[in-house]
Amino acid sequence: MPPTLGNGKICYIEIPATDVSRSADFYSRVFGWTIRQRGDGATAFDDGVGQVSGAWVLGRPPAAQPGFMIYIMVDSVAATMETVIANGGEIVQPIGADAPEITARFRDPGGNVVGLYQEPA
């Protein structure tokens, strides 16, 4: 099914990386993102539900400090934190800091801080 199109929709994200292959592998393993090669040869992704796409870019500093934050929705923040660590990421904010919301933050292999979000039951 094609992504939903509409005015104001977030549709594309560029993620700074130091090693594109390593970052692509991380997001594929942790979140199940589909990795593909664009026509120009860049490594791109489609998120887990096919609604947001993007690519990893070299030569940009990582989003190493929380500022503009992106959160990835997951079934279980606790389980995803384990997968993040197992695949070379680092937890920088554990569950509970944003209570009652179920969130955490991690640092990816490129040094970016990204949030995890779990919809309450």
PDB file of N, CA and C in Angstrom:
ATOM      1  N   MET A   1       0.844  -1.172   0.000  1.00  0.00           N
ATOM      2  CA  MET A   1       0.000   0.000   0.000  1.00  0.00           C
ATOM      3  C   MET A   1       0.894   1.241   0.000  1.00  0.00           C
ATOM      4  N   PRO A   2       0.631   2.201  -0.875  1.00  0.00           N
ATOM      5  CA  PRO A   2       1.452   3.411  -0.926  1.00  0.00           C
ATOM      6  C   PRO A   2       1.251   4.261   0.323  1.00  0.00           C
ATOM      7  N   PRO A   3       2.236   5.113   0.648  1.00  0.00           N
ATOM      8  CA  PRO A   3       2.088   5.970   1.821  1.00  0.00           C
ATOM      9  C   PRO A   3       0.944   6.961   1.651  1.00  0.00           C
ATOM     10  N   THR A   4       0.400   7.389   2.772  1.00  0.00           N
ATOM     11  CA  THR A   4      -0.622   8.423   2.783  1.00  0.00           C
ATOM     12  C   THR A   4       0.022   9.735   2.364  1.00  0.00           C
ATOM     13  N   LEU A   5      -0.605  10.423   1.430  1.00  0.00           N
ATOM     14  CA  LEU A   5      -0.098  11.715   0.977  1.00  0.00           C
ATOM     15  C   LEU A   5      -0.986  12.809   1.551  1.00  0.00           C
ATOM     16  N   GLY A   6      -0.389  13.919   1.938  1.00  0.00           N
ATOM     17  CA  GLY A   6      -1.196  15.009   2.453  1.00  0.00           C
ATOM     18  C   GLY A   6      -0.358  16.195   2.869  1.00  0.00           C
ATOM     19  N   ASN A   7      -0.938  17.353   2.789  1.00  0.00           N
ATOM     20  CA  ASN A   7      -0.273  18.582   3.185  1.00  0.00           C
ATOM     21  C   ASN A   7       0.114  18.513   4.657  1.00  0.00           C
ATOM     22  N   GLY A   8       1.371  18.778   4.958  1.00  0.00           N
ATOM     23  CA  GLY A   8       1.848  18.803   6.335  1.00  0.00           C
ATOM     24  C   GLY A   8       2.394  17.485   6.851  1.00  0.00           C
ATOM     25  N   LYS A   9       2.289  16.405   6.082  1.00  0.00           N
ATOM     26  CA  LYS A   9       2.773  15.093   6.524  1.00  0.00           C
ATOM     27  C   LYS A   9       4.306  15.060   6.520  1.00  0.00           C
ATOM     28  N   ILE A  10       4.890  14.508   7.554  1.00  0.00           N
ATOM     29  CA  ILE A  10       6.335  14.262   7.546  1.00  0.00           C
ATOM     30  C   ILE A  10       6.566  13.084   6.617  1.00  0.00           C
ATOM     31  N   CYS A  11       7.430  13.278   5.617  1.00  0.00           N
ATOM     32  CA  CYS A  11       7.557  12.249   4.590  1.00  0.00           C
ATOM     33  C   CYS A  11       8.975  11.756   4.373  1.00  0.00           C
ATOM     34  N   TYR A  12       9.999  12.523   4.766  1.00  0.00           N
ATOM     35  CA  TYR A  12      11.374  12.157   4.427  1.00  0.00           C
ATOM     36  C   TYR A  12      12.305  12.654   5.522  1.00  0.00           C
ATOM     37  N   ILE A  13      13.227  11.810   5.924  1.00  0.00           N
ATOM     38  CA  ILE A  13      14.179  12.161   6.979  1.00  0.00           C
ATOM     39  C   ILE A  13      15.588  11.844   6.493  1.00  0.00           C
ATOM     40  N   GLU A  14      16.515  12.763   6.706  1.00  0.00           N
ATOM     41  CA  GLU A  14      17.929  12.500   6.451  1.00  0.00           C
ATOM     42  C   GLU A  14      18.606  12.310   7.805  1.00  0.00           C
ATOM     43  N   ILE A  15      19.266  11.166   7.976  1.00  0.00           N
ATOM     44  CA  ILE A  15      19.887  10.816   9.241  1.00  0.00           C
ATOM     45  C   ILE A  15      21.408  10.865   9.073  1.00  0.00           C
ATOM     46  N   PRO A  16      22.088  11.726   9.835  1.00  0.00           N
ATOM     47  CA  PRO A  16      23.552  11.750   9.757  1.00  0.00           C
ATOM     48  C   PRO A  16      24.143  10.393  10.146  1.00  0.00           C
ATOM     49  N   ALA A  17      25.201  10.013   9.442  1.00  0.00           N
ATOM     50  CA  ALA A  17      25.874   8.738   9.709  1.00  0.00           C
ATOM     51  C   ALA A  17      27.372   8.908   9.524  1.00  0.00           C
ATOM     52  N   THR A  18      28.129   8.082  10.226  1.00  0.00           N
ATOM     53  CA  THR A  18      29.570   8.023  10.001  1.00  0.00           C
ATOM     54  C   THR A  18      29.907   6.815   9.135  1.00  0.00           C
ATOM     55  N   ASP A  19      29.043   5.799   9.161  1.00  0.00           N
ATOM     56  CA  ASP A  19      29.169   4.582   8.365  1.00  0.00           C
ATOM     57  C   ASP A  19      27.755   4.195   7.938  1.00  0.00           C
ATOM     58  N   VAL A  20      27.400   4.480   6.695  1.00  0.00           N
ATOM     59  CA  VAL A  20      26.040   4.272   6.211  1.00  0.00           C
ATOM     60  C   VAL A  20      25.618   2.817   6.340  1.00  0.00           C
ATOM     61  N   SER A  21      26.489   1.894   5.975  1.00  0.00           N
ATOM     62  CA  SER A  21      26.135   0.465   6.064  1.00  0.00           C
ATOM     63  C   SER A  21      25.827   0.055   7.493  1.00  0.00           C
ATOM     64  N   ARG A  22      26.636   0.513   8.428  1.00  0.00           N
ATOM     65  CA  ARG A  22      26.419   0.176   9.836  1.00  0.00           C
ATOM     66  C   ARG A  22      25.097   0.762  10.344  1.00  0.00           C
ATOM     67  N   SER A  23      24.811   2.006   9.991  1.00  0.00           N
ATOM     68  CA  SER A  23      23.560   2.627  10.420  1.00  0.00           C
ATOM     69  C   SER A  23      22.358   1.931   9.783  1.00  0.00           C
ATOM     70  N   ALA A  24      22.442   1.621   8.498  1.00  0.00           N
ATOM     71  CA  ALA A  24      21.350   0.940   7.810  1.00  0.00           C
ATOM     72  C   ALA A  24      21.087  -0.420   8.455  1.00  0.00           C
ATOM     73  N   ASP A  25      22.140  -1.148   8.764  1.00  0.00           N
ATOM     74  CA  ASP A  25      22.000  -2.456   9.396  1.00  0.00           C
ATOM     75  C   ASP A  25      21.347  -2.317  10.776  1.00  0.00           C
ATOM     76  N   PHE A  26      21.754  -1.314  11.543  1.00  0.00           N
ATOM     77  CA  PHE A  26      21.200  -1.071  12.870  1.00  0.00           C
ATOM     78  C   PHE A  26      19.687  -0.841  12.798  1.00  0.00           C
ATOM     79  N   TYR A  27      19.251   0.090  11.954  1.00  0.00           N
ATOM     80  CA  TYR A  27      17.825   0.413  11.875  1.00  0.00           C
ATOM     81  C   TYR A  27      17.005  -0.742  11.282  1.00  0.00           C
ATOM     82  N   SER A  28      17.604  -1.496  10.396  1.00  0.00           N
ATOM     83  CA  SER A  28      16.917  -2.666   9.855  1.00  0.00           C
ATOM     84  C   SER A  28      16.714  -3.724  10.935  1.00  0.00           C
ATOM     85  N   ARG A  29      17.755  -3.991  11.710  1.00  0.00           N
ATOM     86  CA  ARG A  29      17.676  -5.022  12.756  1.00  0.00           C
ATOM     87  C   ARG A  29      16.790  -4.591  13.930  1.00  0.00           C
ATOM     88  N   VAL A  30      16.890  -3.341  14.333  1.00  0.00           N
ATOM     89  CA  VAL A  30      16.160  -2.882  15.517  1.00  0.00           C
ATOM     90  C   VAL A  30      14.687  -2.609  15.205  1.00  0.00           C
ATOM     91  N   PHE A  31      14.409  -1.986  14.059  1.00  0.00           N
ATOM     92  CA  PHE A  31      13.044  -1.537  13.769  1.00  0.00           C
ATOM     93  C   PHE A  31      12.385  -2.217  12.572  1.00  0.00           C
ATOM     94  N   GLY A  32      13.131  -3.067  11.871  1.00  0.00           N
ATOM     95  CA  GLY A  32      12.559  -3.739  10.715  1.00  0.00           C
ATOM     96  C   GLY A  32      12.389  -2.835   9.501  1.00  0.00           C
ATOM     97  N   TRP A  33      13.148  -1.728   9.451  1.00  0.00           N
ATOM     98  CA  TRP A  33      13.049  -0.835   8.304  1.00  0.00           C
ATOM     99  C   TRP A  33      13.540  -1.540   7.050  1.00  0.00           C
ATOM    100  N   THR A  34      12.914  -1.248   5.923  1.00  0.00           N
ATOM    101  CA  THR A  34      13.327  -1.781   4.632  1.00  0.00           C
ATOM    102  C   THR A  34      14.446  -0.904   4.095  1.00  0.00           C
ATOM    103  N   ILE A  35      15.558  -1.530   3.749  1.00  0.00           N
ATOM    104  CA  ILE A  35      16.712  -0.802   3.228  1.00  0.00           C
ATOM    105  C   ILE A  35      16.756  -1.026   1.722  1.00  0.00           C
ATOM    106  N   ARG A  36      17.032   0.047   0.984  1.00  0.00           N
ATOM    107  CA  ARG A  36      17.086  -0.048  -0.472  1.00  0.00           C
ATOM    108  C   ARG A  36      18.120   0.931  -1.024  1.00  0.00           C
ATOM    109  N   GLN A  37      18.538   0.694  -2.259  1.00  0.00           N
ATOM    110  CA  GLN A  37      19.452   1.596  -2.949  1.00  0.00           C
ATOM    111  C   GLN A  37      18.619   2.479  -3.868  1.00  0.00           C
ATOM    112  N   ARG A  38      18.787   3.779  -3.752  1.00  0.00           N
ATOM    113  CA  ARG A  38      18.114   4.715  -4.650  1.00  0.00           C
ATOM    114  C   ARG A  38      18.803   4.692  -6.008  1.00  0.00           C
ATOM    115  N   GLY A  39      18.168   5.288  -6.990  1.00  0.00           N
ATOM    116  CA  GLY A  39      18.734   5.363  -8.332  1.00  0.00           C
ATOM    117  C   GLY A  39      20.079   6.057  -8.383  1.00  0.00           C
ATOM    118  N   ASP A  40      20.318   6.985  -7.443  1.00  0.00           N
ATOM    119  CA  ASP A  40      21.601   7.693  -7.402  1.00  0.00           C
ATOM    120  C   ASP A  40      22.655   6.939  -6.603  1.00  0.00           C
ATOM    121  N   GLY A  41      22.294   5.725  -6.113  1.00  0.00           N
ATOM    122  CA  GLY A  41      23.240   4.895  -5.374  1.00  0.00           C
ATOM    123  C   GLY A  41      23.212   5.083  -3.876  1.00  0.00           C
ATOM    124  N   ALA A  42      22.488   6.085  -3.381  1.00  0.00           N
ATOM    125  CA  ALA A  42      22.420   6.314  -1.938  1.00  0.00           C
ATOM    126  C   ALA A  42      21.623   5.203  -1.261  1.00  0.00           C
ATOM    127  N   THR A  43      22.012   4.888  -0.029  1.00  0.00           N
ATOM    128  CA  THR A  43      21.277   3.909   0.765  1.00  0.00           C
ATOM    129  C   THR A  43      20.121   4.623   1.436  1.00  0.00           C
ATOM    130  N   ALA A  44      18.918   4.121   1.179  1.00  0.00           N
ATOM    131  CA  ALA A  44      17.702   4.743   1.681  1.00  0.00           C
ATOM    132  C   ALA A  44      16.926   3.740   2.518  1.00  0.00           C
ATOM    133  N   PHE A  45      15.863   4.227   3.175  1.00  0.00           N
ATOM    134  CA  PHE A  45      15.023   3.360   3.999  1.00  0.00           C
ATOM    135  C   PHE A  45      13.563   3.735   3.848  1.00  0.00           C
ATOM    136  N   ASP A  46      12.724   2.781   4.191  1.00  0.00           N
ATOM    137  CA  ASP A  46      11.299   2.995   4.397  1.00  0.00           C
ATOM    138  C   ASP A  46      11.012   2.490   5.796  1.00  0.00           C
ATOM    139  N   ASP A  47      10.270   3.264   6.575  1.00  0.00           N
ATOM    140  CA  ASP A  47      10.012   2.873   7.967  1.00  0.00           C
ATOM    141  C   ASP A  47       9.171   1.596   8.026  1.00  0.00           C
ATOM    142  N   GLY A  48       8.924   1.137   9.238  1.00  0.00           N
ATOM    143  CA  GLY A  48       8.260  -0.141   9.457  1.00  0.00           C
ATOM    144  C   GLY A  48       6.844  -0.240   8.940  1.00  0.00           C
ATOM    145  N   VAL A  49       6.198   0.897   8.653  1.00  0.00           N
ATOM    146  CA  VAL A  49       4.830   0.868   8.129  1.00  0.00           C
ATOM    147  C   VAL A  49       4.751   1.487   6.732  1.00  0.00           C
ATOM    148  N   GLY A  50       5.896   1.811   6.143  1.00  0.00           N
ATOM    149  CA  GLY A  50       5.925   2.336   4.787  1.00  0.00           C
ATOM    150  C   GLY A  50       5.363   3.734   4.628  1.00  0.00           C
ATOM    151  N   GLN A  51       5.380   4.519   5.696  1.00  0.00           N
ATOM    152  CA  GLN A  51       4.821   5.870   5.637  1.00  0.00           C
ATOM    153  C   GLN A  51       5.882   6.968   5.571  1.00  0.00           C
ATOM    154  N   VAL A  52       7.084   6.680   6.033  1.00  0.00           N
ATOM    155  CA  VAL A  52       8.163   7.672   6.017  1.00  0.00           C
ATOM    156  C   VAL A  52       9.386   7.027   5.383  1.00  0.00           C
ATOM    157  N   SER A  53      10.038   7.758   4.517  1.00  0.00           N
ATOM    158  CA  SER A  53      11.274   7.264   3.912  1.00  0.00           C
ATOM    159  C   SER A  53      12.381   8.262   4.212  1.00  0.00           C
ATOM    160  N   GLY A  54      13.579   7.893   3.824  1.00  0.00           N
ATOM    161  CA  GLY A  54      14.705   8.773   4.052  1.00  0.00           C
ATOM    162  C   GLY A  54      15.992   8.110   3.641  1.00  0.00           C
ATOM    163  N   ALA A  55      17.087   8.724   4.033  1.00  0.00           N
ATOM    164  CA  ALA A  55      18.409   8.212   3.696  1.00  0.00           C
ATOM    165  C   ALA A  55      19.396   8.638   4.768  1.00  0.00           C
ATOM    166  N   TRP A  56      20.514   7.953   4.808  1.00  0.00           N
ATOM    167  CA  TRP A  56      21.610   8.332   5.695  1.00  0.00           C
ATOM    168  C   TRP A  56      22.547   9.215   4.899  1.00  0.00           C
ATOM    169  N   VAL A  57      23.084  10.241   5.556  1.00  0.00           N
ATOM    170  CA  VAL A  57      23.959  11.194   4.894  1.00  0.00           C
ATOM    171  C   VAL A  57      25.278  11.309   5.652  1.00  0.00           C
ATOM    172  N   LEU A  58      26.344  11.395   4.898  1.00  0.00           N
ATOM    173  CA  LEU A  58      27.682  11.577   5.465  1.00  0.00           C
ATOM    174  C   LEU A  58      28.015  13.062   5.505  1.00  0.00           C
ATOM    175  N   GLY A  59      28.980  13.413   6.338  1.00  0.00           N
ATOM    176  CA  GLY A  59      29.475  14.778   6.354  1.00  0.00           C
ATOM    177  C   GLY A  59      28.631  15.765   7.134  1.00  0.00           C
ATOM    178  N   ARG A  60      27.687  15.275   7.911  1.00  0.00           N
ATOM    179  CA  ARG A  60      26.891  16.153   8.771  1.00  0.00           C
ATOM    180  C   ARG A  60      27.110  15.733  10.212  1.00  0.00           C
ATOM    181  N   PRO A  61      27.127  16.687  11.125  1.00  0.00           N
ATOM    182  CA  PRO A  61      27.278  16.301  12.531  1.00  0.00           C
ATOM    183  C   PRO A  61      26.032  15.556  13.003  1.00  0.00           C
ATOM    184  N   PRO A  62      26.207  14.608  13.911  1.00  0.00           N
ATOM    185  CA  PRO A  62      25.039  13.892  14.437  1.00  0.00           C
ATOM    186  C   PRO A  62      24.189  14.807  15.310  1.00  0.00           C
ATOM    187  N   ALA A  63      22.933  14.437  15.448  1.00  0.00           N
ATOM    188  CA  ALA A  63      22.033  15.116  16.385  1.00  0.00           C
ATOM    189  C   ALA A  63      22.303  14.502  17.756  1.00  0.00           C
ATOM    190  N   ALA A  64      23.442  14.878  18.336  1.00  0.00           N
ATOM    191  CA  ALA A  64      23.951  14.222  19.533  1.00  0.00           C
ATOM    192  C   ALA A  64      23.297  14.692  20.830  1.00  0.00           C
ATOM    193  N   GLN A  65      22.662  15.847  20.796  1.00  0.00           N
ATOM    194  CA  GLN A  65      21.979  16.374  21.974  1.00  0.00           C
ATOM    195  C   GLN A  65      20.507  16.557  21.629  1.00  0.00           C
ATOM    196  N   PRO A  66      19.611  16.238  22.566  1.00  0.00           N
ATOM    197  CA  PRO A  66      18.192  16.455  22.279  1.00  0.00           C
ATOM    198  C   PRO A  66      17.926  17.918  21.944  1.00  0.00           C
ATOM    199  N   GLY A  67      17.329  18.108  20.818  1.00  0.00           N
ATOM    200  CA  GLY A  67      16.877  19.405  20.334  1.00  0.00           C
ATOM    201  C   GLY A  67      15.601  19.078  19.591  1.00  0.00           C
ATOM    202  N   PHE A  68      15.690  19.039  18.286  1.00  0.00           N
ATOM    203  CA  PHE A  68      14.589  18.542  17.469  1.00  0.00           C
ATOM    204  C   PHE A  68      14.615  17.026  17.614  1.00  0.00           C
ATOM    205  N   MET A  69      13.620  16.471  18.276  1.00  0.00           N
ATOM    206  CA  MET A  69      13.627  15.034  18.591  1.00  0.00           C
ATOM    207  C   MET A  69      12.658  14.270  17.704  1.00  0.00           C
ATOM    208  N   ILE A  70      13.100  13.147  17.240  1.00  0.00           N
ATOM    209  CA  ILE A  70      12.247  12.213  16.515  1.00  0.00           C
ATOM    210  C   ILE A  70      12.070  10.990  17.399  1.00  0.00           C
ATOM    211  N   TYR A  71      10.823  10.553  17.545  1.00  0.00           N
ATOM    212  CA  TYR A  71      10.506   9.352  18.315  1.00  0.00           C
ATOM    213  C   TYR A  71       9.994   8.284  17.357  1.00  0.00           C
ATOM    214  N   ILE A  72      10.447   7.065  17.559  1.00  0.00           N
ATOM    215  CA  ILE A  72      10.005   5.927  16.761  1.00  0.00           C
ATOM    216  C   ILE A  72       9.038   5.117  17.606  1.00  0.00           C
ATOM    217  N   MET A  73       7.842   4.866  17.075  1.00  0.00           N
ATOM    218  CA  MET A  73       6.836   4.087  17.793  1.00  0.00           C
ATOM    219  C   MET A  73       7.208   2.608  17.747  1.00  0.00           C
ATOM    220  N   VAL A  74       7.131   1.964  18.914  1.00  0.00           N
ATOM    221  CA  VAL A  74       7.450   0.544  19.025  1.00  0.00           C
ATOM    222  C   VAL A  74       6.384  -0.153  19.858  1.00  0.00           C
ATOM    223  N   ASP A  75       6.306  -1.476  19.719  1.00  0.00           N
ATOM    224  CA  ASP A  75       5.358  -2.259  20.511  1.00  0.00           C
ATOM    225  C   ASP A  75       5.738  -2.270  21.985  1.00  0.00           C
ATOM    226  N   SER A  76       7.048  -2.335  22.258  1.00  0.00           N
ATOM    227  CA  SER A  76       7.550  -2.386  23.629  1.00  0.00           C
ATOM    228  C   SER A  76       8.857  -1.615  23.723  1.00  0.00           C
ATOM    229  N   VAL A  77       8.849  -0.525  24.489  1.00  0.00           N
ATOM    230  CA  VAL A  77      10.086   0.236  24.671  1.00  0.00           C
ATOM    231  C   VAL A  77      11.132  -0.629  25.375  1.00  0.00           C
ATOM    232  N   ALA A  78      10.726  -1.381  26.394  1.00  0.00           N
ATOM    233  CA  ALA A  78      11.689  -2.213  27.143  1.00  0.00           C
ATOM    234  C   ALA A  78      12.372  -3.225  26.232  1.00  0.00           C
ATOM    235  N   ALA A  79      11.596  -3.930  25.422  1.00  0.00           N
ATOM    236  CA  ALA A  79      12.183  -4.931  24.522  1.00  0.00           C
ATOM    237  C   ALA A  79      13.061  -4.266  23.464  1.00  0.00           C
ATOM    238  N   THR A  80      12.632  -3.117  22.964  1.00  0.00           N
ATOM    239  CA  THR A  80      13.411  -2.424  21.943  1.00  0.00           C
ATOM    240  C   THR A  80      14.727  -1.912  22.510  1.00  0.00           C
ATOM    241  N   MET A  81      14.728  -1.485  23.762  1.00  0.00           N
ATOM    242  CA  MET A  81      15.978  -1.042  24.388  1.00  0.00           C
ATOM    243  C   MET A  81      16.999  -2.177  24.380  1.00  0.00           C
ATOM    244  N   GLU A  82      16.561  -3.387  24.668  1.00  0.00           N
ATOM    245  CA  GLU A  82      17.472  -4.542  24.638  1.00  0.00           C
ATOM    246  C   GLU A  82      18.025  -4.756  23.235  1.00  0.00           C
ATOM    247  N   THR A  83      17.160  -4.615  22.224  1.00  0.00           N
ATOM    248  CA  THR A  83      17.588  -4.793  20.844  1.00  0.00           C
ATOM    249  C   THR A  83      18.544  -3.687  20.421  1.00  0.00           C
ATOM    250  N   VAL A  84      18.287  -2.465  20.870  1.00  0.00           N
ATOM    251  CA  VAL A  84      19.189  -1.337  20.589  1.00  0.00           C
ATOM    252  C   VAL A  84      20.583  -1.664  21.115  1.00  0.00           C
ATOM    253  N   ILE A  85      20.669  -2.082  22.366  1.00  0.00           N
ATOM    254  CA  ILE A  85      21.972  -2.398  22.974  1.00  0.00           C
ATOM    255  C   ILE A  85      22.646  -3.559  22.252  1.00  0.00           C
ATOM    256  N   ALA A  86      21.882  -4.593  21.933  1.00  0.00           N
ATOM    257  CA  ALA A  86      22.443  -5.777  21.263  1.00  0.00           C
ATOM    258  C   ALA A  86      22.995  -5.456  19.877  1.00  0.00           C
ATOM    259  N   ASN A  87      22.544  -4.343  19.293  1.00  0.00           N
ATOM    260  CA  ASN A  87      22.983  -3.981  17.951  1.00  0.00           C
ATOM    261  C   ASN A  87      23.899  -2.762  17.919  1.00  0.00           C
ATOM    262  N   GLY A  88      24.485  -2.424  19.056  1.00  0.00           N
ATOM    263  CA  GLY A  88      25.508  -1.388  19.094  1.00  0.00           C
ATOM    264  C   GLY A  88      25.042  -0.003  19.467  1.00  0.00           C
ATOM    265  N   GLY A  89      23.774   0.138  19.861  1.00  0.00           N
ATOM    266  CA  GLY A  89      23.293   1.431  20.321  1.00  0.00           C
ATOM    267  C   GLY A  89      23.519   1.582  21.815  1.00  0.00           C
ATOM    268  N   GLU A  90      23.229   2.755  22.316  1.00  0.00           N
ATOM    269  CA  GLU A  90      23.429   3.057  23.739  1.00  0.00           C
ATOM    270  C   GLU A  90      22.181   3.756  24.273  1.00  0.00           C
ATOM    271  N   ILE A  91      21.681   3.334  25.423  1.00  0.00           N
ATOM    272  CA  ILE A  91      20.536   3.989  26.042  1.00  0.00           C
ATOM    273  C   ILE A  91      21.041   5.238  26.757  1.00  0.00           C
ATOM    274  N   VAL A  92      20.433   6.387  26.449  1.00  0.00           N
ATOM    275  CA  VAL A  92      20.844   7.647  27.085  1.00  0.00           C
ATOM    276  C   VAL A  92      19.765   8.218  27.992  1.00  0.00           C
ATOM    277  N   GLN A  93      18.533   7.698  27.885  1.00  0.00           N
ATOM    278  CA  GLN A  93      17.455   8.074  28.809  1.00  0.00           C
ATOM    279  C   GLN A  93      16.568   6.854  28.995  1.00  0.00           C
ATOM    280  N   PRO A  94      16.555   6.295  30.194  1.00  0.00           N
ATOM    281  CA  PRO A  94      15.744   5.095  30.427  1.00  0.00           C
ATOM    282  C   PRO A  94      14.253   5.403  30.502  1.00  0.00           C
ATOM    283  N   ILE A  95      13.467   4.358  30.523  1.00  0.00           N
ATOM    284  CA  ILE A  95      12.022   4.500  30.688  1.00  0.00           C
ATOM    285  C   ILE A  95      11.751   5.207  32.018  1.00  0.00           C
ATOM    286  N   GLY A  96      10.755   6.091  32.021  1.00  0.00           N
ATOM    287  CA  GLY A  96      10.330   6.735  33.257  1.00  0.00           C
ATOM    288  C   GLY A  96      10.559   8.222  33.301  1.00  0.00           C
ATOM    289  N   ALA A  97      11.504   8.730  32.519  1.00  0.00           N
ATOM    290  CA  ALA A  97      11.819  10.161  32.581  1.00  0.00           C
ATOM    291  C   ALA A  97      10.680  11.035  32.071  1.00  0.00           C
ATOM    292  N   ASP A  98       9.831  10.496  31.214  1.00  0.00           N
ATOM    293  CA  ASP A  98       8.714  11.259  30.654  1.00  0.00           C
ATOM    294  C   ASP A  98       7.366  10.741  31.141  1.00  0.00           C
ATOM    295  N   ALA A  99       7.363  10.044  32.280  1.00  0.00           N
ATOM    296  CA  ALA A  99       6.128   9.447  32.807  1.00  0.00           C
ATOM    297  C   ALA A  99       5.042  10.504  32.905  1.00  0.00           C
ATOM    298  N   PRO A 100       3.805  10.163  32.569  1.00  0.00           N
ATOM    299  CA  PRO A 100       3.298   8.812  32.389  1.00  0.00           C
ATOM    300  C   PRO A 100       3.501   8.245  30.983  1.00  0.00           C
ATOM    301  N   GLU A 101       4.085   9.030  30.057  1.00  0.00           N
ATOM    302  CA  GLU A 101       4.370   8.496  28.720  1.00  0.00           C
ATOM    303  C   GLU A 101       5.429   7.392  28.839  1.00  0.00           C
ATOM    304  N   ILE A 102       5.353   6.416  27.962  1.00  0.00           N
ATOM    305  CA  ILE A 102       6.335   5.321  27.952  1.00  0.00           C
ATOM    306  C   ILE A 102       7.338   5.640  26.851  1.00  0.00           C
ATOM    307  N   THR A 103       8.465   6.194  27.252  1.00  0.00           N
ATOM    308  CA  THR A 103       9.501   6.604  26.310  1.00  0.00           C
ATOM    309  C   THR A 103      10.870   6.229  26.832  1.00  0.00           C
ATOM    310  N   ALA A 104      11.831   6.286  25.951  1.00  0.00           N
ATOM    311  CA  ALA A 104      13.251   6.184  26.282  1.00  0.00           C
ATOM    312  C   ALA A 104      13.987   6.851  25.126  1.00  0.00           C
ATOM    313  N   ARG A 105      15.269   7.090  25.295  1.00  0.00           N
ATOM    314  CA  ARG A 105      16.094   7.653  24.221  1.00  0.00           C
ATOM    315  C   ARG A 105      17.352   6.823  24.086  1.00  0.00           C
ATOM    316  N   PHE A 106      17.821   6.720  22.852  1.00  0.00           N
ATOM    317  CA  PHE A 106      19.054   5.975  22.594  1.00  0.00           C
ATOM    318  C   PHE A 106      19.950   6.768  21.657  1.00  0.00           C
ATOM    319  N   ARG A 107      21.225   6.378  21.634  1.00  0.00           N
ATOM    320  CA  ARG A 107      22.190   6.934  20.687  1.00  0.00           C
ATOM    321  C   ARG A 107      22.472   5.847  19.662  1.00  0.00           C
ATOM    322  N   ASP A 108      22.287   6.173  18.379  1.00  0.00           N
ATOM    323  CA  ASP A 108      22.514   5.193  17.317  1.00  0.00           C
ATOM    324  C   ASP A 108      24.003   5.124  16.962  1.00  0.00           C
ATOM    325  N   PRO A 109      24.405   4.217  16.073  1.00  0.00           N
ATOM    326  CA  PRO A 109      25.830   4.091  15.730  1.00  0.00           C
ATOM    327  C   PRO A 109      26.445   5.351  15.119  1.00  0.00           C
ATOM    328  N   GLY A 110      25.622   6.242  14.569  1.00  0.00           N
ATOM    329  CA  GLY A 110      26.129   7.492  14.004  1.00  0.00           C
ATOM    330  C   GLY A 110      26.222   8.613  15.016  1.00  0.00           C
ATOM    331  N   GLY A 111      25.799   8.353  16.269  1.00  0.00           N
ATOM    332  CA  GLY A 111      25.876   9.358  17.325  1.00  0.00           C
ATOM    333  C   GLY A 111      24.610  10.165  17.521  1.00  0.00           C
ATOM    334  N   ASN A 112      23.532   9.862  16.783  1.00  0.00           N
ATOM    335  CA  ASN A 112      22.265  10.595  16.896  1.00  0.00           C
ATOM    336  C   ASN A 112      21.459  10.112  18.087  1.00  0.00           C
ATOM    337  N   VAL A 113      20.841  11.036  18.812  1.00  0.00           N
ATOM    338  CA  VAL A 113      19.926  10.684  19.894  1.00  0.00           C
ATOM    339  C   VAL A 113      18.523  10.639  19.308  1.00  0.00           C
ATOM    340  N   VAL A 114      17.864   9.492  19.492  1.00  0.00           N
ATOM    341  CA  VAL A 114      16.527   9.237  18.939  1.00  0.00           C
ATOM    342  C   VAL A 114      15.660   8.696  20.053  1.00  0.00           C
ATOM    343  N   GLY A 115      14.375   9.036  20.029  1.00  0.00           N
ATOM    344  CA  GLY A 115      13.459   8.580  21.056  1.00  0.00           C
ATOM    345  C   GLY A 115      12.688   7.333  20.659  1.00  0.00           C
ATOM    346  N   LEU A 116      12.258   6.595  21.670  1.00  0.00           N
ATOM    347  CA  LEU A 116      11.359   5.448  21.511  1.00  0.00           C
ATOM    348  C   LEU A 116      10.047   5.815  22.192  1.00  0.00           C
ATOM    349  N   TYR A 117       8.948   5.427  21.587  1.00  0.00           N
ATOM    350  CA  TYR A 117       7.626   5.709  22.165  1.00  0.00           C
ATOM    351  C   TYR A 117       6.755   4.470  22.072  1.00  0.00           C
ATOM    352  N   GLN A 118       6.086   4.161  23.173  1.00  0.00           N
ATOM    353  CA  GLN A 118       5.134   3.041  23.230  1.00  0.00           C
ATOM    354  C   GLN A 118       3.768   3.587  23.530  1.00  0.00           C
ATOM    355  N   GLU A 119       2.788   3.251  22.695  1.00  0.00           N
ATOM    356  CA  GLU A 119       1.401   3.664  22.921  1.00  0.00           C
ATOM    357  C   GLU A 119       0.897   2.980  24.189  1.00  0.00           C
ATOM    358  N   PRO A 120       0.278   3.729  25.123  1.00  0.00           N
ATOM    359  CA  PRO A 120      -0.234   3.095  26.338  1.00  0.00           C
ATOM    360  C   PRO A 120      -1.322   2.061  26.011  1.00  0.00           C
ATOM    361  N   ALA A 121      -1.430   1.044  26.870  1.00  0.00           N
ATOM    362  CA  ALA A 121      -2.424  -0.013  26.652  1.00  0.00           C
ATOM    363  C   ALA A 121      -3.822   0.517  26.845  1.00  0.00           C
TER     364      ALA A 121
END
